[in-house]
Every structure is written in C-alpha cells, then in structure tokens.
C-alpha cells in the first residue's frame, strides 16, 4: 500500500518539479548578451554581460544591475528574435480616438 502511495506521490509531485528545474537550469545556462529577461523579482531588462555565475542587466540606459543566474525567471525575448524583428512601436503612436467630421 505504501509503495503505491509513494509511486503516486512521485508521479504527481517529484517528477514534474525535477523536470521544471532542469528546464530552468537550461534556460539560465543559455543566457547571453542582448537577451531581454525578467528576474524573479519582476525586474525587466536586457542582458549586457554574462559570466559563469552572474548576469549584468541593463534596466535603463547607463544603469546596470548584477544578479545571480538563478535570479533570472525567464527570457522574454531571445537575442535572435530581437535581431530579426526591429522595434517599430516607437515610430508613431496610433490614437484610439477617431476624428469624425460632420458634413454640413
């Protein structure tokens, strides 16, 4: 009976947790300069340097913060996707208000 309970606990809790941990370690090891990341604290920034244990993130022009690799929660936009698509959202904002003119 205990073996069945332990087997069920393993399949429901231990195995999925170890799988998520392996994915997180893989993501953190692939960090590189230019990646847009989010930390576990919710800070958004761009990786400027990556060492063996630490990552420097530029959060605003001229402001760099250094974090442990384990503090990176996820990669928002990898370097290859950032290079492939230029950011055009700053060209000209689109107004949600439409002007209408009454014809007289």
Foldseek 3Di string as FASTA:
>chain_A
DVVVVVVVCCVPPVVVVVVVVVVLVVQLVPDDFQWWFAFPVGQTFTFHHDDPFKTWGDRDVPDIDIDGSSRTDHTPGDNVRPVVDDDPCPVDDDDPDDDDDDDD
